[in-house]
PDB file of all heavy atoms in Angstrom:
ATOM      1  N   PRO A   1       0.757  -1.263   0.010  1.00  0.00           N
ATOM      2  CA  PRO A   1       0.010  -0.030   0.024  1.00  0.00           C
ATOM      3  C   PRO A   1       0.861   1.224   0.046  1.00  0.00           C
ATOM      4  O   PRO A   1       0.382   2.291  -0.594  1.00  0.00           O
ATOM      5  CB  PRO A   1      -0.839  -0.123   1.225  1.00  0.00           C
ATOM      6  CG  PRO A   1      -0.930  -1.594   1.482  1.00  0.00           C
ATOM      7  CD  PRO A   1       0.316  -2.145   1.000  1.00  0.00           C
ATOM      8  N   SER A   2       2.067   1.153   0.619  1.00  0.00           N
ATOM      9  CA  SER A   2       2.838   2.433   0.658  1.00  0.00           C
ATOM     10  C   SER A   2       3.870   2.454  -0.392  1.00  0.00           C
ATOM     11  O   SER A   2       4.573   3.508  -0.580  1.00  0.00           O
ATOM     12  CB  SER A   2       3.563   2.493   2.002  1.00  0.00           C
ATOM     13  OG  SER A   2       4.393   1.321   2.197  1.00  0.00           O
ATOM     14  N   MET A   3       4.097   1.389  -1.190  1.00  0.00           N
ATOM     15  CA  MET A   3       5.115   1.304  -2.205  1.00  0.00           C
ATOM     16  C   MET A   3       4.627   0.462  -3.423  1.00  0.00           C
ATOM     17  O   MET A   3       4.547  -0.640  -3.493  1.00  0.00           O
ATOM     18  CB  MET A   3       6.390   0.649  -1.696  1.00  0.00           C
ATOM     19  CG  MET A   3       7.582   0.673  -2.648  1.00  0.00           C
ATOM     20  SD  MET A   3       9.074  -0.072  -1.891  1.00  0.00           S
ATOM     21  CE  MET A   3       9.432   1.055  -0.569  1.00  0.00           C
ATOM     22  N   PRO A   4       4.192   1.315  -4.488  1.00  0.00           N
ATOM     23  CA  PRO A   4       3.681   0.694  -5.639  1.00  0.00           C
ATOM     24  C   PRO A   4       4.766  -0.118  -6.467  1.00  0.00           C
ATOM     25  O   PRO A   4       5.979   0.209  -6.283  1.00  0.00           O
ATOM     26  CB  PRO A   4       3.033   1.829  -6.445  1.00  0.00           C
ATOM     27  CG  PRO A   4       3.901   2.961  -6.089  1.00  0.00           C
ATOM     28  CD  PRO A   4       4.211   2.746  -4.581  1.00  0.00           C
ATOM     29  N   ALA A   5       4.357  -1.051  -7.259  1.00  0.00           N
ATOM     30  CA  ALA A   5       5.346  -1.820  -8.043  1.00  0.00           C
ATOM     31  C   ALA A   5       6.027  -0.961  -9.097  1.00  0.00           C
ATOM     32  O   ALA A   5       7.147  -1.267  -9.467  1.00  0.00           O
ATOM     33  CB  ALA A   5       4.614  -3.044  -8.639  1.00  0.00           C
ATOM     34  N   LYS A   6       5.283   0.104  -9.573  1.00  0.00           N
ATOM     35  CA  LYS A   6       6.015   0.958 -10.588  1.00  0.00           C
ATOM     36  C   LYS A   6       6.907   1.866  -9.924  1.00  0.00           C
ATOM     37  O   LYS A   6       6.576   2.723  -9.095  1.00  0.00           O
ATOM     38  CB  LYS A   6       4.892   1.797 -11.327  1.00  0.00           C
ATOM     39  CG  LYS A   6       5.515   2.722 -12.467  1.00  0.00           C
ATOM     40  CD  LYS A   6       4.384   3.658 -13.063  1.00  0.00           C
ATOM     41  CE  LYS A   6       3.427   2.900 -13.881  1.00  0.00           C
ATOM     42  NZ  LYS A   6       2.589   3.860 -14.615  1.00  0.00           N
ATOM     43  N   VAL A   7       8.202   1.750 -10.213  1.00  0.00           N
ATOM     44  CA  VAL A   7       9.245   2.461  -9.530  1.00  0.00           C
ATOM     45  C   VAL A   7       9.435   3.799 -10.249  1.00  0.00           C
ATOM     46  O   VAL A   7       9.626   4.857  -9.604  1.00  0.00           O
ATOM     47  CB  VAL A   7      10.601   1.627  -9.559  1.00  0.00           C
ATOM     48  CG1 VAL A   7      11.730   2.443  -8.985  1.00  0.00           C
ATOM     49  CG2 VAL A   7      10.428   0.332  -8.661  1.00  0.00           C
ATOM     50  N   ALA A   8       9.318   3.837 -11.560  1.00  0.00           N
ATOM     51  CA  ALA A   8       9.619   5.130 -12.294  1.00  0.00           C
ATOM     52  C   ALA A   8       9.043   4.856 -13.716  1.00  0.00           C
ATOM     53  O   ALA A   8       8.783   3.772 -14.191  1.00  0.00           O
ATOM     54  CB  ALA A   8      11.036   5.390 -12.383  1.00  0.00           C
ATOM     55  N   GLU A   9       8.674   6.024 -14.362  1.00  0.00           N
ATOM     56  CA  GLU A   9       8.244   6.059 -15.726  1.00  0.00           C
ATOM     57  C   GLU A   9       8.867   7.255 -16.437  1.00  0.00           C
ATOM     58  O   GLU A   9       8.846   8.300 -15.919  1.00  0.00           O
ATOM     59  CB  GLU A   9       6.801   5.967 -15.784  1.00  0.00           C
ATOM     60  CG  GLU A   9       6.222   5.854 -17.235  1.00  0.00           C
ATOM     61  CD  GLU A   9       4.749   5.668 -17.296  1.00  0.00           C
ATOM     62  OE1 GLU A   9       4.053   5.835 -16.285  1.00  0.00           O
ATOM     63  OE2 GLU A   9       4.283   5.396 -18.470  1.00  0.00           O
ATOM     64  N   THR A  10       9.488   6.993 -17.603  1.00  0.00           N
ATOM     65  CA  THR A  10       9.994   8.064 -18.406  1.00  0.00           C
ATOM     66  C   THR A  10       9.186   8.053 -19.795  1.00  0.00           C
ATOM     67  O   THR A  10       8.262   7.236 -20.024  1.00  0.00           O
ATOM     68  CB  THR A  10      11.415   7.936 -18.713  1.00  0.00           C
ATOM     69  OG1 THR A  10      11.710   6.758 -19.565  1.00  0.00           O
ATOM     70  CG2 THR A  10      12.205   7.714 -17.387  1.00  0.00           C
ATOM     71  N   ASP A  11       9.645   8.922 -20.753  1.00  0.00           N
ATOM     72  CA  ASP A  11       9.052   8.888 -22.062  1.00  0.00           C
ATOM     73  C   ASP A  11       9.387   7.656 -22.869  1.00  0.00           C
ATOM     74  O   ASP A  11       8.716   7.322 -23.802  1.00  0.00           O
ATOM     75  CB  ASP A  11       9.562  10.181 -22.874  1.00  0.00           C
ATOM     76  CG  ASP A  11       9.024  11.460 -22.240  1.00  0.00           C
ATOM     77  OD1 ASP A  11       7.999  11.369 -21.446  1.00  0.00           O
ATOM     78  OD2 ASP A  11       9.672  12.431 -22.420  1.00  0.00           O
ATOM     79  N   THR A  12      10.486   6.854 -22.389  1.00  0.00           N
ATOM     80  CA  THR A  12      10.958   5.785 -23.214  1.00  0.00           C
ATOM     81  C   THR A  12      10.806   4.369 -22.540  1.00  0.00           C
ATOM     82  O   THR A  12      10.786   3.364 -23.191  1.00  0.00           O
ATOM     83  CB  THR A  12      12.446   5.960 -23.496  1.00  0.00           C
ATOM     84  OG1 THR A  12      13.183   6.154 -22.307  1.00  0.00           O
ATOM     85  CG2 THR A  12      12.644   7.192 -24.405  1.00  0.00           C
ATOM     86  N   PHE A  13      10.553   4.354 -21.163  1.00  0.00           N
ATOM     87  CA  PHE A  13      10.448   3.057 -20.552  1.00  0.00           C
ATOM     88  C   PHE A  13       9.768   3.181 -19.189  1.00  0.00           C
ATOM     89  O   PHE A  13       9.701   4.329 -18.637  1.00  0.00           O
ATOM     90  CB  PHE A  13      11.842   2.336 -20.380  1.00  0.00           C
ATOM     91  CG  PHE A  13      12.682   3.039 -19.340  1.00  0.00           C
ATOM     92  CD1 PHE A  13      12.747   2.615 -17.992  1.00  0.00           C
ATOM     93  CD2 PHE A  13      13.566   4.026 -19.725  1.00  0.00           C
ATOM     94  CE1 PHE A  13      13.463   3.194 -17.052  1.00  0.00           C
ATOM     95  CE2 PHE A  13      14.354   4.627 -18.806  1.00  0.00           C
ATOM     96  CZ  PHE A  13      14.454   4.203 -17.493  1.00  0.00           C
ATOM     97  N   THR A  14       9.283   2.139 -18.704  1.00  0.00           N
ATOM     98  CA  THR A  14       8.705   2.015 -17.301  1.00  0.00           C
ATOM     99  C   THR A  14       9.563   0.934 -16.533  1.00  0.00           C
ATOM    100  O   THR A  14       9.887  -0.055 -17.056  1.00  0.00           O
ATOM    101  CB  THR A  14       7.193   1.571 -17.360  1.00  0.00           C
ATOM    102  OG1 THR A  14       6.638   2.416 -18.222  1.00  0.00           O
ATOM    103  CG2 THR A  14       6.589   1.602 -16.052  1.00  0.00           C
ATOM    104  N   ALA A  15       9.816   1.314 -15.243  1.00  0.00           N
ATOM    105  CA  ALA A  15      10.485   0.390 -14.423  1.00  0.00           C
ATOM    106  C   ALA A  15       9.610  -0.161 -13.308  1.00  0.00           C
ATOM    107  O   ALA A  15       8.861   0.639 -12.646  1.00  0.00           O
ATOM    108  CB  ALA A  15      11.733   1.256 -13.752  1.00  0.00           C
ATOM    109  N   TRP A  16       9.661  -1.360 -13.204  1.00  0.00           N
ATOM    110  CA  TRP A  16       8.848  -2.146 -12.151  1.00  0.00           C
ATOM    111  C   TRP A  16       9.706  -2.956 -11.230  1.00  0.00           C
ATOM    112  O   TRP A  16      10.708  -3.506 -11.630  1.00  0.00           O
ATOM    113  CB  TRP A  16       7.863  -3.084 -12.893  1.00  0.00           C
ATOM    114  CG  TRP A  16       7.010  -2.557 -13.902  1.00  0.00           C
ATOM    115  CD1 TRP A  16       7.340  -2.303 -15.335  1.00  0.00           C
ATOM    116  CD2 TRP A  16       5.659  -1.998 -13.729  1.00  0.00           C
ATOM    117  NE1 TRP A  16       6.209  -1.763 -15.847  1.00  0.00           N
ATOM    118  CE2 TRP A  16       5.202  -1.594 -14.994  1.00  0.00           C
ATOM    119  CE3 TRP A  16       4.843  -1.946 -12.596  1.00  0.00           C
ATOM    120  CZ2 TRP A  16       3.967  -0.992 -15.207  1.00  0.00           C
ATOM    121  CZ3 TRP A  16       3.604  -1.432 -12.856  1.00  0.00           C
ATOM    122  CH2 TRP A  16       3.124  -0.886 -14.061  1.00  0.00           C
ATOM    123  N   ALA A  17       9.275  -3.001  -9.952  1.00  0.00           N
ATOM    124  CA  ALA A  17       9.989  -3.804  -8.964  1.00  0.00           C
ATOM    125  C   ALA A  17       9.428  -5.184  -9.132  1.00  0.00           C
ATOM    126  O   ALA A  17       8.047  -5.391  -9.055  1.00  0.00           O
ATOM    127  CB  ALA A  17       9.700  -3.237  -7.573  1.00  0.00           C
ATOM    128  N   VAL A  18      10.252  -6.144  -9.314  1.00  0.00           N
ATOM    129  CA  VAL A  18       9.769  -7.604  -9.624  1.00  0.00           C
ATOM    130  C   VAL A  18      10.541  -8.551  -8.672  1.00  0.00           C
ATOM    131  O   VAL A  18      11.723  -8.357  -8.205  1.00  0.00           O
ATOM    132  CB  VAL A  18       9.890  -7.912 -11.014  1.00  0.00           C
ATOM    133  CG1 VAL A  18       8.985  -7.044 -11.891  1.00  0.00           C
ATOM    134  CG2 VAL A  18      11.379  -7.739 -11.474  1.00  0.00           C
ATOM    135  N   LYS A  19      10.021  -9.749  -8.614  1.00  0.00           N
ATOM    136  CA  LYS A  19      10.785 -10.886  -8.014  1.00  0.00           C
ATOM    137  C   LYS A  19      10.442 -12.192  -8.809  1.00  0.00           C
ATOM    138  O   LYS A  19       9.387 -12.174  -9.484  1.00  0.00           O
ATOM    139  CB  LYS A  19      10.500 -11.045  -6.525  1.00  0.00           C
ATOM    140  CG  LYS A  19       8.987 -11.456  -6.310  1.00  0.00           C
ATOM    141  CD  LYS A  19       8.817 -11.683  -4.813  1.00  0.00           C
ATOM    142  CE  LYS A  19       7.411 -12.122  -4.507  1.00  0.00           C
ATOM    143  NZ  LYS A  19       7.170 -12.266  -3.033  1.00  0.00           N
ATOM    144  N   TRP A  20      11.268 -13.185  -8.696  1.00  0.00           N
ATOM    145  CA  TRP A  20      11.027 -14.428  -9.515  1.00  0.00           C
ATOM    146  C   TRP A  20      11.531 -15.655  -8.732  1.00  0.00           C
ATOM    147  O   TRP A  20      12.536 -15.546  -8.036  1.00  0.00           O
ATOM    148  CB  TRP A  20      11.418 -14.358 -10.857  1.00  0.00           C
ATOM    149  CG  TRP A  20      12.924 -14.143 -11.017  1.00  0.00           C
ATOM    150  CD1 TRP A  20      13.935 -15.110 -11.219  1.00  0.00           C
ATOM    151  CD2 TRP A  20      13.637 -12.972 -10.971  1.00  0.00           C
ATOM    152  NE1 TRP A  20      15.148 -14.528 -11.322  1.00  0.00           N
ATOM    153  CE2 TRP A  20      14.947 -13.219 -11.157  1.00  0.00           C
ATOM    154  CE3 TRP A  20      13.263 -11.618 -10.722  1.00  0.00           C
ATOM    155  CZ2 TRP A  20      15.976 -12.240 -11.248  1.00  0.00           C
ATOM    156  CZ3 TRP A  20      14.259 -10.565 -10.786  1.00  0.00           C
ATOM    157  CH2 TRP A  20      15.565 -10.938 -10.984  1.00  0.00           C
ATOM    158  N   PRO A  21      10.922 -16.800  -8.726  1.00  0.00           N
ATOM    159  CA  PRO A  21      11.338 -17.977  -7.956  1.00  0.00           C
ATOM    160  C   PRO A  21      12.620 -18.560  -8.687  1.00  0.00           C
ATOM    161  O   PRO A  21      12.642 -18.526  -9.942  1.00  0.00           O
ATOM    162  CB  PRO A  21      10.221 -18.894  -7.976  1.00  0.00           C
ATOM    163  CG  PRO A  21       9.419 -18.543  -9.205  1.00  0.00           C
ATOM    164  CD  PRO A  21       9.616 -17.147  -9.430  1.00  0.00           C
ATOM    165  N   VAL A  22      13.548 -19.060  -7.926  1.00  0.00           N
ATOM    166  CA  VAL A  22      14.775 -19.589  -8.481  1.00  0.00           C
ATOM    167  C   VAL A  22      14.940 -21.092  -8.076  1.00  0.00           C
ATOM    168  O   VAL A  22      14.819 -21.948  -8.822  1.00  0.00           O
ATOM    169  CB  VAL A  22      15.978 -18.766  -8.098  1.00  0.00           C
ATOM    170  CG1 VAL A  22      17.281 -19.339  -8.705  1.00  0.00           C
ATOM    171  CG2 VAL A  22      15.807 -17.329  -8.552  1.00  0.00           C
ATOM    172  N   LEU A  23      15.247 -21.246  -6.812  1.00  0.00           N
ATOM    173  CA  LEU A  23      15.298 -22.553  -6.153  1.00  0.00           C
ATOM    174  C   LEU A  23      14.328 -22.663  -5.024  1.00  0.00           C
ATOM    175  O   LEU A  23      13.728 -21.643  -4.653  1.00  0.00           O
ATOM    176  CB  LEU A  23      16.727 -22.876  -5.685  1.00  0.00           C
ATOM    177  CG  LEU A  23      17.943 -22.722  -6.707  1.00  0.00           C
ATOM    178  CD1 LEU A  23      19.200 -22.850  -5.976  1.00  0.00           C
ATOM    179  CD2 LEU A  23      17.786 -23.733  -7.764  1.00  0.00           C
ATOM    180  N   ASP A  24      14.244 -23.839  -4.505  1.00  0.00           N
ATOM    181  CA  ASP A  24      13.284 -23.955  -3.324  1.00  0.00           C
ATOM    182  C   ASP A  24      13.841 -23.108  -2.141  1.00  0.00           C
ATOM    183  O   ASP A  24      14.875 -23.270  -1.662  1.00  0.00           O
ATOM    184  CB  ASP A  24      13.239 -25.470  -2.927  1.00  0.00           C
ATOM    185  CG  ASP A  24      12.329 -25.619  -1.719  1.00  0.00           C
ATOM    186  OD1 ASP A  24      11.418 -24.830  -1.566  1.00  0.00           O
ATOM    187  OD2 ASP A  24      12.446 -26.673  -1.085  1.00  0.00           O
TER     188      ASP A  24
END
């Protein structure tokens, strides 16, 4: 609620905070 996934946006790209599973 206090920190959206969209970190920044410019005229050329959008930056998102992400995570992904790797190992158990």
